[in-house]
Amino acid sequence: MIFGTGIDIIDVARIGRVHSRWGEKFLNKFLRPDEIKYCLQQADPSPSIAARFAGKEAVSKAFGTGIGEKLNWHDLEIVHHERGRPMVRLHGKAKVLLMELGGKSVHISLSHSDGQAAAMAVLEG
């Protein structure tokens, strides 16, 4: 049973500008260490950074909380299945919240181009 969906889209250039201005401080605010490592390994990290930003926003919308008191950036991690498919790993408050809601899994789809990054999340119970 699906009990939550979320979607988000973001401008890649905007994320690139913020990353250029604030560097590691910006990345550390909303990405976990392995996410930072993955993004910075890309020739142009901006689309990957933006996709993770959109992914976390989409998941927070699927939970119905947004990013804030009940769920923060580091409670969510975008990882890759061995075949490259993006997956969500929950930490801290996100793990607890999923259990409280009776959920079993979180599904995510990410997409990006030079201009935009988008994500869709589904919570399944």
PDB file of N, CA and C in Angstrom:
ATOM      1  N   MET A   1       0.835  -1.169   0.000  1.00  0.00           N
ATOM      2  CA  MET A   1       0.000   0.000   0.000  1.00  0.00           C
ATOM      3  C   MET A   1       0.894   1.252   0.000  1.00  0.00           C
ATOM      4  N   ILE A   2       0.570   2.199  -0.838  1.00  0.00           N
ATOM      5  CA  ILE A   2       1.290   3.467  -0.888  1.00  0.00           C
ATOM      6  C   ILE A   2       0.639   4.423   0.096  1.00  0.00           C
ATOM      7  N   PHE A   3       1.448   5.041   0.960  1.00  0.00           N
ATOM      8  CA  PHE A   3       0.868   5.987   1.910  1.00  0.00           C
ATOM      9  C   PHE A   3       1.521   7.362   1.848  1.00  0.00           C
ATOM     10  N   GLY A   4       2.395   7.574   0.869  1.00  0.00           N
ATOM     11  CA  GLY A   4       2.974   8.899   0.703  1.00  0.00           C
ATOM     12  C   GLY A   4       3.708   9.025  -0.616  1.00  0.00           C
ATOM     13  N   THR A   5       3.546  10.164  -1.261  1.00  0.00           N
ATOM     14  CA  THR A   5       4.295  10.464  -2.475  1.00  0.00           C
ATOM     15  C   THR A   5       4.841  11.885  -2.374  1.00  0.00           C
ATOM     16  N   GLY A   6       5.924  12.129  -3.055  1.00  0.00           N
ATOM     17  CA  GLY A   6       6.501  13.461  -3.078  1.00  0.00           C
ATOM     18  C   GLY A   6       7.265  13.671  -4.365  1.00  0.00           C
ATOM     19  N   ILE A   7       7.329  14.896  -4.813  1.00  0.00           N
ATOM     20  CA  ILE A   7       8.050  15.236  -6.035  1.00  0.00           C
ATOM     21  C   ILE A   7       8.729  16.576  -5.832  1.00  0.00           C
ATOM     22  N   ASP A   8       9.886  16.757  -6.475  1.00  0.00           N
ATOM     23  CA  ASP A   8      10.584  18.029  -6.390  1.00  0.00           C
ATOM     24  C   ASP A   8      11.395  18.236  -7.655  1.00  0.00           C
ATOM     25  N   ILE A   9      11.568  19.480  -8.039  1.00  0.00           N
ATOM     26  CA  ILE A   9      12.389  19.858  -9.181  1.00  0.00           C
ATOM     27  C   ILE A   9      13.193  21.088  -8.784  1.00  0.00           C
ATOM     28  N   ILE A  10      14.435  21.150  -9.250  1.00  0.00           N
ATOM     29  CA  ILE A  10      15.312  22.260  -8.869  1.00  0.00           C
ATOM     30  C   ILE A  10      16.213  22.631 -10.038  1.00  0.00           C
ATOM     31  N   ASP A  11      16.584  23.880 -10.072  1.00  0.00           N
ATOM     32  CA  ASP A  11      17.463  24.404 -11.104  1.00  0.00           C
ATOM     33  C   ASP A  11      18.913  24.024 -10.800  1.00  0.00           C
ATOM     34  N   VAL A  12      19.554  23.309 -11.712  1.00  0.00           N
ATOM     35  CA  VAL A  12      20.928  22.852 -11.501  1.00  0.00           C
ATOM     36  C   VAL A  12      21.888  24.036 -11.377  1.00  0.00           C
ATOM     37  N   ALA A  13      21.709  25.074 -12.195  1.00  0.00           N
ATOM     38  CA  ALA A  13      22.602  26.237 -12.136  1.00  0.00           C
ATOM     39  C   ALA A  13      22.537  26.929 -10.778  1.00  0.00           C
ATOM     40  N   ARG A  14      21.359  26.968 -10.193  1.00  0.00           N
ATOM     41  CA  ARG A  14      21.209  27.587  -8.858  1.00  0.00           C
ATOM     42  C   ARG A  14      22.039  26.830  -7.830  1.00  0.00           C
ATOM     43  N   ILE A  15      21.949  25.508  -7.866  1.00  0.00           N
ATOM     44  CA  ILE A  15      22.732  24.678  -6.943  1.00  0.00           C
ATOM     45  C   ILE A  15      24.222  24.881  -7.218  1.00  0.00           C
ATOM     46  N   GLY A  16      24.597  24.960  -8.487  1.00  0.00           N
ATOM     47  CA  GLY A  16      26.001  25.191  -8.842  1.00  0.00           C
ATOM     48  C   GLY A  16      26.524  26.504  -8.301  1.00  0.00           C
ATOM     49  N   ARG A  17      25.707  27.553  -8.393  1.00  0.00           N
ATOM     50  CA  ARG A  17      26.112  28.867  -7.870  1.00  0.00           C
ATOM     51  C   ARG A  17      26.294  28.829  -6.349  1.00  0.00           C
ATOM     52  N   VAL A  18      25.362  28.202  -5.662  1.00  0.00           N
ATOM     53  CA  VAL A  18      25.459  28.117  -4.195  1.00  0.00           C
ATOM     54  C   VAL A  18      26.683  27.287  -3.801  1.00  0.00           C
ATOM     55  N   HIS A  19      26.901  26.194  -4.510  1.00  0.00           N
ATOM     56  CA  HIS A  19      28.068  25.349  -4.221  1.00  0.00           C
ATOM     57  C   HIS A  19      29.357  26.125  -4.480  1.00  0.00           C
ATOM     58  N   SER A  20      29.419  26.879  -5.569  1.00  0.00           N
ATOM     59  CA  SER A  20      30.616  27.683  -5.870  1.00  0.00           C
ATOM     60  C   SER A  20      30.877  28.710  -4.770  1.00  0.00           C
ATOM     61  N   ARG A  21      29.821  29.299  -4.270  1.00  0.00           N
ATOM     62  CA  ARG A  21      29.972  30.345  -3.252  1.00  0.00           C
ATOM     63  C   ARG A  21      30.349  29.777  -1.883  1.00  0.00           C
ATOM     64  N   TRP A  22      29.686  28.692  -1.467  1.00  0.00           N
ATOM     65  CA  TRP A  22      29.837  28.194  -0.099  1.00  0.00           C
ATOM     66  C   TRP A  22      30.670  26.912   0.010  1.00  0.00           C
ATOM     67  N   GLY A  23      30.923  26.232  -1.098  1.00  0.00           N
ATOM     68  CA  GLY A  23      31.790  25.050  -1.108  1.00  0.00           C
ATOM     69  C   GLY A  23      31.360  23.948  -0.162  1.00  0.00           C
ATOM     70  N   GLU A  24      32.343  23.438   0.570  1.00  0.00           N
ATOM     71  CA  GLU A  24      32.104  22.306   1.480  1.00  0.00           C
ATOM     72  C   GLU A  24      31.060  22.618   2.550  1.00  0.00           C
ATOM     73  N   LYS A  25      31.004  23.852   2.996  1.00  0.00           N
ATOM     74  CA  LYS A  25      30.016  24.236   4.016  1.00  0.00           C
ATOM     75  C   LYS A  25      28.605  23.942   3.520  1.00  0.00           C
ATOM     76  N   PHE A  26      28.339  24.281   2.267  1.00  0.00           N
ATOM     77  CA  PHE A  26      27.032  24.009   1.659  1.00  0.00           C
ATOM     78  C   PHE A  26      26.787  22.510   1.565  1.00  0.00           C
ATOM     79  N   LEU A  27      27.758  21.778   1.049  1.00  0.00           N
ATOM     80  CA  LEU A  27      27.589  20.329   0.888  1.00  0.00           C
ATOM     81  C   LEU A  27      27.374  19.639   2.227  1.00  0.00           C
ATOM     82  N   ASN A  28      28.150  20.011   3.221  1.00  0.00           N
ATOM     83  CA  ASN A  28      28.038  19.376   4.538  1.00  0.00           C
ATOM     84  C   ASN A  28      26.711  19.657   5.221  1.00  0.00           C
ATOM     85  N   LYS A  29      26.049  20.737   4.830  1.00  0.00           N
ATOM     86  CA  LYS A  29      24.764  21.073   5.448  1.00  0.00           C
ATOM     87  C   LYS A  29      23.686  20.046   5.100  1.00  0.00           C
ATOM     88  N   PHE A  30      23.685  19.549   3.863  1.00  0.00           N
ATOM     89  CA  PHE A  30      22.581  18.654   3.499  1.00  0.00           C
ATOM     90  C   PHE A  30      22.992  17.303   2.921  1.00  0.00           C
ATOM     91  N   LEU A  31      24.270  17.069   2.699  1.00  0.00           N
ATOM     92  CA  LEU A  31      24.706  15.766   2.200  1.00  0.00           C
ATOM     93  C   LEU A  31      25.530  15.030   3.251  1.00  0.00           C
ATOM     94  N   ARG A  32      25.433  13.727   3.219  1.00  0.00           N
ATOM     95  CA  ARG A  32      26.251  12.882   4.076  1.00  0.00           C
ATOM     96  C   ARG A  32      27.595  12.651   3.371  1.00  0.00           C
ATOM     97  N   PRO A  33      28.633  12.210   4.089  1.00  0.00           N
ATOM     98  CA  PRO A  33      29.970  12.078   3.493  1.00  0.00           C
ATOM     99  C   PRO A  33      30.038  11.246   2.206  1.00  0.00           C
ATOM    100  N   ASP A  34      29.372  10.109   2.152  1.00  0.00           N
ATOM    101  CA  ASP A  34      29.425   9.289   0.930  1.00  0.00           C
ATOM    102  C   ASP A  34      28.720   9.964  -0.239  1.00  0.00           C
ATOM    103  N   GLU A  35      27.687  10.758   0.042  1.00  0.00           N
ATOM    104  CA  GLU A  35      27.006  11.503  -1.018  1.00  0.00           C
ATOM    105  C   GLU A  35      27.935  12.577  -1.585  1.00  0.00           C
ATOM    106  N   ILE A  36      28.653  13.255  -0.708  1.00  0.00           N
ATOM    107  CA  ILE A  36      29.601  14.282  -1.138  1.00  0.00           C
ATOM    108  C   ILE A  36      30.678  13.648  -2.009  1.00  0.00           C
ATOM    109  N   LYS A  37      31.207  12.537  -1.555  1.00  0.00           N
ATOM    110  CA  LYS A  37      32.250  11.835  -2.301  1.00  0.00           C
ATOM    111  C   LYS A  37      31.753  11.470  -3.697  1.00  0.00           C
ATOM    112  N   TYR A  38      30.559  10.902  -3.782  1.00  0.00           N
ATOM    113  CA  TYR A  38      30.001  10.513  -5.080  1.00  0.00           C
ATOM    114  C   TYR A  38      29.856  11.730  -5.997  1.00  0.00           C
ATOM    115  N   CYS A  39      29.260  12.790  -5.490  1.00  0.00           N
ATOM    116  CA  CYS A  39      29.007  13.977  -6.315  1.00  0.00           C
ATOM    117  C   CYS A  39      30.298  14.608  -6.808  1.00  0.00           C
ATOM    118  N   LEU A  40      31.293  14.703  -5.938  1.00  0.00           N
ATOM    119  CA  LEU A  40      32.535  15.359  -6.311  1.00  0.00           C
ATOM    120  C   LEU A  40      33.388  14.530  -7.262  1.00  0.00           C
ATOM    121  N   GLN A  41      33.048  13.250  -7.435  1.00  0.00           N
ATOM    122  CA  GLN A  41      33.750  12.406  -8.395  1.00  0.00           C
ATOM    123  C   GLN A  41      33.252  12.641  -9.828  1.00  0.00           C
ATOM    124  N   GLN A  42      32.126  13.332  -9.972  1.00  0.00           N
ATOM    125  CA  GLN A  42      31.559  13.583 -11.293  1.00  0.00           C
ATOM    126  C   GLN A  42      32.308  14.738 -11.961  1.00  0.00           C
ATOM    127  N   ALA A  43      32.392  14.712 -13.294  1.00  0.00           N
ATOM    128  CA  ALA A  43      33.062  15.784 -14.037  1.00  0.00           C
ATOM    129  C   ALA A  43      32.432  17.131 -13.700  1.00  0.00           C
ATOM    130  N   ASP A  44      31.119  17.174 -13.668  1.00  0.00           N
ATOM    131  CA  ASP A  44      30.375  18.354 -13.217  1.00  0.00           C
ATOM    132  C   ASP A  44      29.487  17.895 -12.066  1.00  0.00           C
ATOM    133  N   PRO A  45      29.841  18.228 -10.838  1.00  0.00           N
ATOM    134  CA  PRO A  45      29.071  17.737  -9.693  1.00  0.00           C
ATOM    135  C   PRO A  45      27.682  18.362  -9.541  1.00  0.00           C
ATOM    136  N   SER A  46      27.432  19.515 -10.149  1.00  0.00           N
ATOM    137  CA  SER A  46      26.173  20.232  -9.919  1.00  0.00           C
ATOM    138  C   SER A  46      24.914  19.407 -10.188  1.00  0.00           C
ATOM    139  N   PRO A  47      24.805  18.677 -11.321  1.00  0.00           N
ATOM    140  CA  PRO A  47      23.581  17.886 -11.529  1.00  0.00           C
ATOM    141  C   PRO A  47      23.367  16.811 -10.459  1.00  0.00           C
ATOM    142  N   SER A  48      24.446  16.173 -10.026  1.00  0.00           N
ATOM    143  CA  SER A  48      24.309  15.132  -8.994  1.00  0.00           C
ATOM    144  C   SER A  48      23.946  15.726  -7.640  1.00  0.00           C
ATOM    145  N   ILE A  49      24.541  16.866  -7.319  1.00  0.00           N
ATOM    146  CA  ILE A  49      24.199  17.545  -6.064  1.00  0.00           C
ATOM    147  C   ILE A  49      22.730  17.950  -6.099  1.00  0.00           C
ATOM    148  N   ALA A  50      22.310  18.543  -7.208  1.00  0.00           N
ATOM    149  CA  ALA A  50      20.920  18.991  -7.342  1.00  0.00           C
ATOM    150  C   ALA A  50      19.949  17.821  -7.266  1.00  0.00           C
ATOM    151  N   ALA A  51      20.296  16.690  -7.874  1.00  0.00           N
ATOM    152  CA  ALA A  51      19.417  15.514  -7.839  1.00  0.00           C
ATOM    153  C   ALA A  51      19.244  15.020  -6.409  1.00  0.00           C
ATOM    154  N   ARG A  52      20.301  15.030  -5.622  1.00  0.00           N
ATOM    155  CA  ARG A  52      20.194  14.591  -4.229  1.00  0.00           C
ATOM    156  C   ARG A  52      19.381  15.579  -3.403  1.00  0.00           C
ATOM    157  N   PHE A  53      19.572  16.851  -3.669  1.00  0.00           N
ATOM    158  CA  PHE A  53      18.770  17.870  -2.993  1.00  0.00           C
ATOM    159  C   PHE A  53      17.292  17.640  -3.300  1.00  0.00           C
ATOM    160  N   ALA A  54      16.949  17.478  -4.579  1.00  0.00           N
ATOM    161  CA  ALA A  54      15.564  17.232  -4.978  1.00  0.00           C
ATOM    162  C   ALA A  54      15.053  15.918  -4.392  1.00  0.00           C
ATOM    163  N   GLY A  55      15.913  14.907  -4.356  1.00  0.00           N
ATOM    164  CA  GLY A  55      15.517  13.612  -3.801  1.00  0.00           C
ATOM    165  C   GLY A  55      15.133  13.699  -2.338  1.00  0.00           C
ATOM    166  N   LYS A  56      15.927  14.398  -1.573  1.00  0.00           N
ATOM    167  CA  LYS A  56      15.629  14.540  -0.150  1.00  0.00           C
ATOM    168  C   LYS A  56      14.372  15.369   0.068  1.00  0.00           C
ATOM    169  N   GLU A  57      14.191  16.400  -0.740  1.00  0.00           N
ATOM    170  CA  GLU A  57      12.951  17.189  -0.665  1.00  0.00           C
ATOM    171  C   GLU A  57      11.745  16.320  -0.997  1.00  0.00           C
ATOM    172  N   ALA A  58      11.850  15.500  -2.041  1.00  0.00           N
ATOM    173  CA  ALA A  58      10.733  14.635  -2.438  1.00  0.00           C
ATOM    174  C   ALA A  58      10.393  13.634  -1.332  1.00  0.00           C
ATOM    175  N   VAL A  59      11.400  13.060  -0.717  1.00  0.00           N
ATOM    176  CA  VAL A  59      11.156  12.106   0.373  1.00  0.00           C
ATOM    177  C   VAL A  59      10.494  12.809   1.552  1.00  0.00           C
ATOM    178  N   SER A  60      10.976  14.001   1.890  1.00  0.00           N
ATOM    179  CA  SER A  60      10.382  14.719   3.023  1.00  0.00           C
ATOM    180  C   SER A  60       8.924  15.076   2.737  1.00  0.00           C
ATOM    181  N   LYS A  61       8.609  15.376   1.489  1.00  0.00           N
ATOM    182  CA  LYS A  61       7.214  15.648   1.115  1.00  0.00           C
ATOM    183  C   LYS A  61       6.380  14.377   1.193  1.00  0.00           C
ATOM    184  N   ALA A  62       6.961  13.242   0.794  1.00  0.00           N
ATOM    185  CA  ALA A  62       6.238  11.975   0.888  1.00  0.00           C
ATOM    186  C   ALA A  62       5.923  11.644   2.345  1.00  0.00           C
ATOM    187  N   PHE A  63       6.821  11.983   3.243  1.00  0.00           N
ATOM    188  CA  PHE A  63       6.572  11.787   4.675  1.00  0.00           C
ATOM    189  C   PHE A  63       5.539  12.784   5.200  1.00  0.00           C
ATOM    190  N   GLY A  64       5.331  13.854   4.465  1.00  0.00           N
ATOM    191  CA  GLY A  64       4.376  14.872   4.897  1.00  0.00           C
ATOM    192  C   GLY A  64       4.927  15.838   5.920  1.00  0.00           C
ATOM    193  N   THR A  65       6.252  15.880   6.042  1.00  0.00           N
ATOM    194  CA  THR A  65       6.867  16.715   7.064  1.00  0.00           C
ATOM    195  C   THR A  65       7.664  17.873   6.503  1.00  0.00           C
ATOM    196  N   GLY A  66       8.200  17.715   5.308  1.00  0.00           N
ATOM    197  CA  GLY A  66       9.186  18.654   4.819  1.00  0.00           C
ATOM    198  C   GLY A  66      10.457  18.497   5.637  1.00  0.00           C
ATOM    199  N   ILE A  67      11.461  19.288   5.308  1.00  0.00           N
ATOM    200  CA  ILE A  67      12.709  19.268   6.074  1.00  0.00           C
ATOM    201  C   ILE A  67      12.544  20.256   7.229  1.00  0.00           C
ATOM    202  N   GLY A  68      12.795  19.784   8.425  1.00  0.00           N
ATOM    203  CA  GLY A  68      12.620  20.637   9.593  1.00  0.00           C
ATOM    204  C   GLY A  68      12.789  19.858  10.878  1.00  0.00           C
ATOM    205  N   GLU A  69      11.882  20.082  11.808  1.00  0.00           N
ATOM    206  CA  GLU A  69      11.978  19.483  13.141  1.00  0.00           C
ATOM    207  C   GLU A  69      11.860  17.955  13.125  1.00  0.00           C
ATOM    208  N   LYS A  70      10.935  17.426  12.337  1.00  0.00           N
ATOM    209  CA  LYS A  70      10.689  15.979  12.352  1.00  0.00           C
ATOM    210  C   LYS A  70      11.626  15.188  11.451  1.00  0.00           C
ATOM    211  N   LEU A  71      12.285  15.871  10.535  1.00  0.00           N
ATOM    212  CA  LEU A  71      13.140  15.197   9.552  1.00  0.00           C
ATOM    213  C   LEU A  71      14.195  16.196   9.095  1.00  0.00           C
ATOM    214  N   ASN A  72      15.462  15.800   9.132  1.00  0.00           N
ATOM    215  CA  ASN A  72      16.480  16.733   8.649  1.00  0.00           C
ATOM    216  C   ASN A  72      17.269  16.123   7.501  1.00  0.00           C
ATOM    217  N   TRP A  73      18.093  16.947   6.857  1.00  0.00           N
ATOM    218  CA  TRP A  73      18.831  16.527   5.659  1.00  0.00           C
ATOM    219  C   TRP A  73      19.634  15.258   5.889  1.00  0.00           C
ATOM    220  N   HIS A  74      20.276  15.135   7.042  1.00  0.00           N
ATOM    221  CA  HIS A  74      21.162  14.002   7.289  1.00  0.00           C
ATOM    222  C   HIS A  74      20.426  12.738   7.714  1.00  0.00           C
ATOM    223  N   ASP A  75      19.115  12.833   7.902  1.00  0.00           N
ATOM    224  CA  ASP A  75      18.311  11.637   8.178  1.00  0.00           C
ATOM    225  C   ASP A  75      18.061  10.851   6.897  1.00  0.00           C
ATOM    226  N   LEU A  76      18.332  11.465   5.751  1.00  0.00           N
ATOM    227  CA  LEU A  76      18.084  10.851   4.445  1.00  0.00           C
ATOM    228  C   LEU A  76      19.384  10.776   3.671  1.00  0.00           C
ATOM    229  N   GLU A  77      19.623   9.653   3.029  1.00  0.00           N
ATOM    230  CA  GLU A  77      20.833   9.478   2.227  1.00  0.00           C
ATOM    231  C   GLU A  77      20.459   8.806   0.908  1.00  0.00           C
ATOM    232  N   ILE A  78      20.919   9.387  -0.180  1.00  0.00           N
ATOM    233  CA  ILE A  78      20.690   8.793  -1.499  1.00  0.00           C
ATOM    234  C   ILE A  78      21.919   7.944  -1.822  1.00  0.00           C
ATOM    235  N   VAL A  79      21.698   6.658  -1.984  1.00  0.00           N
ATOM    236  CA  VAL A  79      22.770   5.714  -2.313  1.00  0.00           C
ATOM    237  C   VAL A  79      22.416   5.029  -3.630  1.00  0.00           C
ATOM    238  N   HIS A  80      23.338   4.215  -4.122  1.00  0.00           N
ATOM    239  CA  HIS A  80      23.087   3.514  -5.375  1.00  0.00           C
ATOM    240  C   HIS A  80      23.140   2.010  -5.179  1.00  0.00           C
ATOM    241  N   HIS A  81      22.159   1.330  -5.730  1.00  0.00           N
ATOM    242  CA  HIS A  81      22.157  -0.122  -5.804  1.00  0.00           C
ATOM    243  C   HIS A  81      23.341  -0.518  -6.678  1.00  0.00           C
ATOM    244  N   GLU A  82      23.819  -1.718  -6.537  1.00  0.00           N
ATOM    245  CA  GLU A  82      24.991  -2.160  -7.312  1.00  0.00           C
ATOM    246  C   GLU A  82      24.794  -1.995  -8.825  1.00  0.00           C
ATOM    247  N   ARG A  83      23.566  -1.970  -9.293  1.00  0.00           N
ATOM    248  CA  ARG A  83      23.295  -1.778 -10.724  1.00  0.00           C
ATOM    249  C   ARG A  83      23.075  -0.316 -11.081  1.00  0.00           C
ATOM    250  N   GLY A  84      23.260   0.584 -10.113  1.00  0.00           N
ATOM    251  CA  GLY A  84      23.170   2.012 -10.374  1.00  0.00           C
ATOM    252  C   GLY A  84      21.859   2.673 -10.004  1.00  0.00           C
ATOM    253  N   ARG A  85      20.835   1.896  -9.691  1.00  0.00           N
ATOM    254  CA  ARG A  85      19.531   2.464  -9.334  1.00  0.00           C
ATOM    255  C   ARG A  85      19.639   3.221  -8.014  1.00  0.00           C
ATOM    256  N   PRO A  86      19.097   4.456  -7.966  1.00  0.00           N
ATOM    257  CA  PRO A  86      19.159   5.193  -6.698  1.00  0.00           C
ATOM    258  C   PRO A  86      18.226   4.579  -5.651  1.00  0.00           C
ATOM    259  N   MET A  87      18.666   4.633  -4.428  1.00  0.00           N
ATOM    260  CA  MET A  87      17.887   4.128  -3.302  1.00  0.00           C
ATOM    261  C   MET A  87      18.025   5.118  -2.157  1.00  0.00           C
ATOM    262  N   VAL A  88      17.093   5.052  -1.206  1.00  0.00           N
ATOM    263  CA  VAL A  88      17.133   5.913  -0.030  1.00  0.00           C
ATOM    264  C   VAL A  88      17.519   5.072   1.174  1.00  0.00           C
ATOM    265  N   ARG A  89      18.525   5.536   1.892  1.00  0.00           N
ATOM    266  CA  ARG A  89      18.900   4.918   3.162  1.00  0.00           C
ATOM    267  C   ARG A  89      18.454   5.887   4.246  1.00  0.00           C
ATOM    268  N   LEU A  90      17.684   5.374   5.195  1.00  0.00           N
ATOM    269  CA  LEU A  90      17.152   6.212   6.274  1.00  0.00           C
ATOM    270  C   LEU A  90      18.045   6.137   7.505  1.00  0.00           C
ATOM    271  N   HIS A  91      18.187   7.256   8.168  1.00  0.00           N
ATOM    272  CA  HIS A  91      18.964   7.358   9.397  1.00  0.00           C
ATOM    273  C   HIS A  91      18.125   8.099  10.429  1.00  0.00           C
ATOM    274  N   GLY A  92      18.473   7.938  11.689  1.00  0.00           N
ATOM    275  CA  GLY A  92      17.894   8.733  12.771  1.00  0.00           C
ATOM    276  C   GLY A  92      16.383   8.870  12.740  1.00  0.00           C
ATOM    277  N   LYS A  93      15.924  10.127  12.703  1.00  0.00           N
ATOM    278  CA  LYS A  93      14.492  10.427  12.774  1.00  0.00           C
ATOM    279  C   LYS A  93      13.712   9.813  11.612  1.00  0.00           C
ATOM    280  N   ALA A  94      14.320   9.691  10.456  1.00  0.00           N
ATOM    281  CA  ALA A  94      13.612   9.133   9.298  1.00  0.00           C
ATOM    282  C   ALA A  94      13.275   7.662   9.520  1.00  0.00           C
ATOM    283  N   LYS A  95      14.209   6.924  10.101  1.00  0.00           N
ATOM    284  CA  LYS A  95      13.956   5.506  10.412  1.00  0.00           C
ATOM    285  C   LYS A  95      12.792   5.371  11.386  1.00  0.00           C
ATOM    286  N   VAL A  96      12.829   6.186  12.426  1.00  0.00           N
ATOM    287  CA  VAL A  96      11.786   6.155  13.452  1.00  0.00           C
ATOM    288  C   VAL A  96      10.441   6.550  12.847  1.00  0.00           C
ATOM    289  N   LEU A  97      10.430   7.611  12.058  1.00  0.00           N
ATOM    290  CA  LEU A  97       9.192   8.091  11.448  1.00  0.00           C
ATOM    291  C   LEU A  97       8.582   7.055  10.522  1.00  0.00           C
ATOM    292  N   LEU A  98       9.395   6.377   9.733  1.00  0.00           N
ATOM    293  CA  LEU A  98       8.870   5.336   8.842  1.00  0.00           C
ATOM    294  C   LEU A  98       8.219   4.214   9.650  1.00  0.00           C
ATOM    295  N   MET A  99       8.860   3.815  10.732  1.00  0.00           N
ATOM    296  CA  MET A  99       8.295   2.759  11.580  1.00  0.00           C
ATOM    297  C   MET A  99       7.002   3.226  12.231  1.00  0.00           C
ATOM    298  N   GLU A 100       6.964   4.459  12.729  1.00  0.00           N
ATOM    299  CA  GLU A 100       5.752   5.000  13.355  1.00  0.00           C
ATOM    300  C   GLU A 100       4.586   5.037  12.369  1.00  0.00           C
ATOM    301  N   LEU A 101       4.882   5.306  11.113  1.00  0.00           N
ATOM    302  CA  LEU A 101       3.834   5.370  10.090  1.00  0.00           C
ATOM    303  C   LEU A 101       3.447   3.988   9.564  1.00  0.00           C
ATOM    304  N   GLY A 102       4.166   2.964   9.997  1.00  0.00           N
ATOM    305  CA  GLY A 102       3.881   1.614   9.530  1.00  0.00           C
ATOM    306  C   GLY A 102       4.427   1.347   8.139  1.00  0.00           C
ATOM    307  N   GLY A 103       5.399   2.113   7.743  1.00  0.00           N
ATOM    308  CA  GLY A 103       5.985   1.950   6.418  1.00  0.00           C
ATOM    309  C   GLY A 103       7.026   0.858   6.369  1.00  0.00           C
ATOM    310  N   LYS A 104       7.232   0.349   5.172  1.00  0.00           N
ATOM    311  CA  LYS A 104       8.229  -0.701   4.974  1.00  0.00           C
ATOM    312  C   LYS A 104       9.389  -0.253   4.114  1.00  0.00           C
ATOM    313  N   SER A 105       9.121   0.606   3.129  1.00  0.00           N
ATOM    314  CA  SER A 105      10.204   1.006   2.233  1.00  0.00           C
ATOM    315  C   SER A 105       9.934   2.364   1.598  1.00  0.00           C
ATOM    316  N   VAL A 106      11.022   2.943   1.116  1.00  0.00           N
ATOM    317  CA  VAL A 106      10.977   4.222   0.415  1.00  0.00           C
ATOM    318  C   VAL A 106      11.579   3.995  -0.968  1.00  0.00           C
ATOM    319  N   HIS A 107      10.858   4.395  -1.985  1.00  0.00           N
ATOM    320  CA  HIS A 107      11.341   4.270  -3.361  1.00  0.00           C
ATOM    321  C   HIS A 107      11.627   5.660  -3.898  1.00  0.00           C
ATOM    322  N   ILE A 108      12.667   5.764  -4.724  1.00  0.00           N
ATOM    323  CA  ILE A 108      13.028   7.077  -5.275  1.00  0.00           C
ATOM    324  C   ILE A 108      13.443   6.932  -6.734  1.00  0.00           C
ATOM    325  N   SER A 109      13.112   7.948  -7.488  1.00  0.00           N
ATOM    326  CA  SER A 109      13.573   8.056  -8.864  1.00  0.00           C
ATOM    327  C   SER A 109      14.160   9.456  -9.039  1.00  0.00           C
ATOM    328  N   LEU A 110      15.360   9.520  -9.607  1.00  0.00           N
ATOM    329  CA  LEU A 110      16.049  10.796  -9.828  1.00  0.00           C
ATOM    330  C   LEU A 110      16.282  10.990 -11.317  1.00  0.00           C
ATOM    331  N   SER A 111      16.271  12.240 -11.740  1.00  0.00           N
ATOM    332  CA  SER A 111      16.582  12.556 -13.129  1.00  0.00           C
ATOM    333  C   SER A 111      17.213  13.939 -13.169  1.00  0.00           C
ATOM    334  N   HIS A 112      18.153  14.123 -14.072  1.00  0.00           N
ATOM    335  CA  HIS A 112      18.721  15.463 -14.231  1.00  0.00           C
ATOM    336  C   HIS A 112      19.227  15.663 -15.648  1.00  0.00           C
ATOM    337  N   SER A 113      19.217  16.924 -16.033  1.00  0.00           N
ATOM    338  CA  SER A 113      19.780  17.357 -17.305  1.00  0.00           C
ATOM    339  C   SER A 113      20.740  18.492 -16.965  1.00  0.00           C
ATOM    340  N   ASP A 114      21.219  19.184 -17.964  1.00  0.00           N
ATOM    341  CA  ASP A 114      22.088  20.322 -17.682  1.00  0.00           C
ATOM    342  C   ASP A 114      21.338  21.418 -16.932  1.00  0.00           C
ATOM    343  N   GLY A 115      20.015  21.507 -17.138  1.00  0.00           N
ATOM    344  CA  GLY A 115      19.235  22.603 -16.568  1.00  0.00           C
ATOM    345  C   GLY A 115      18.490  22.309 -15.294  1.00  0.00           C
ATOM    346  N   GLN A 116      17.937  21.117 -15.171  1.00  0.00           N
ATOM    347  CA  GLN A 116      17.094  20.812 -14.012  1.00  0.00           C
ATOM    348  C   GLN A 116      17.353  19.422 -13.473  1.00  0.00           C
ATOM    349  N   ALA A 117      17.048  19.271 -12.194  1.00  0.00           N
ATOM    350  CA  ALA A 117      17.077  17.964 -11.550  1.00  0.00           C
ATOM    351  C   ALA A 117      15.713  17.743 -10.922  1.00  0.00           C
ATOM    352  N   ALA A 118      15.229  16.517 -11.007  1.00  0.00           N
ATOM    353  CA  ALA A 118      13.913  16.196 -10.461  1.00  0.00           C
ATOM    354  C   ALA A 118      13.985  14.861  -9.714  1.00  0.00           C
ATOM    355  N   ALA A 119      13.060  14.713  -8.786  1.00  0.00           N
ATOM    356  CA  ALA A 119      12.970  13.479  -8.020  1.00  0.00           C
ATOM    357  C   ALA A 119      11.523  13.191  -7.671  1.00  0.00           C
ATOM    358  N   MET A 120      11.222  11.892  -7.588  1.00  0.00           N
ATOM    359  CA  MET A 120       9.912  11.445  -7.128  1.00  0.00           C
ATOM    360  C   MET A 120      10.144  10.365  -6.086  1.00  0.00           C
ATOM    361  N   ALA A 121       9.398  10.446  -4.995  1.00  0.00           N
ATOM    362  CA  ALA A 121       9.528   9.472  -3.907  1.00  0.00           C
ATOM    363  C   ALA A 121       8.169   8.870  -3.591  1.00  0.00           C
ATOM    364  N   VAL A 122       8.199   7.588  -3.207  1.00  0.00           N
ATOM    365  CA  VAL A 122       6.992   6.861  -2.826  1.00  0.00           C
ATOM    366  C   VAL A 122       7.291   6.109  -1.531  1.00  0.00           C
ATOM    367  N   LEU A 123       6.406   6.289  -0.539  1.00  0.00           N
ATOM    368  CA  LEU A 123       6.501   5.522   0.709  1.00  0.00           C
ATOM    369  C   LEU A 123       5.513   4.373   0.621  1.00  0.00           C
ATOM    370  N   GLU A 124       6.022   3.189   0.891  1.00  0.00           N
ATOM    371  CA  GLU A 124       5.211   1.985   0.785  1.00  0.00           C
ATOM    372  C   GLU A 124       5.072   1.332   2.157  1.00  0.00           C
ATOM    373  N   GLY A 125       3.869   0.877   2.434  1.00  0.00           N
ATOM    374  CA  GLY A 125       3.612   0.229   3.714  1.00  0.00           C
ATOM    375  C   GLY A 125       3.261  -1.208   3.568  1.00  0.00           C
TER     376      GLY A 125
END
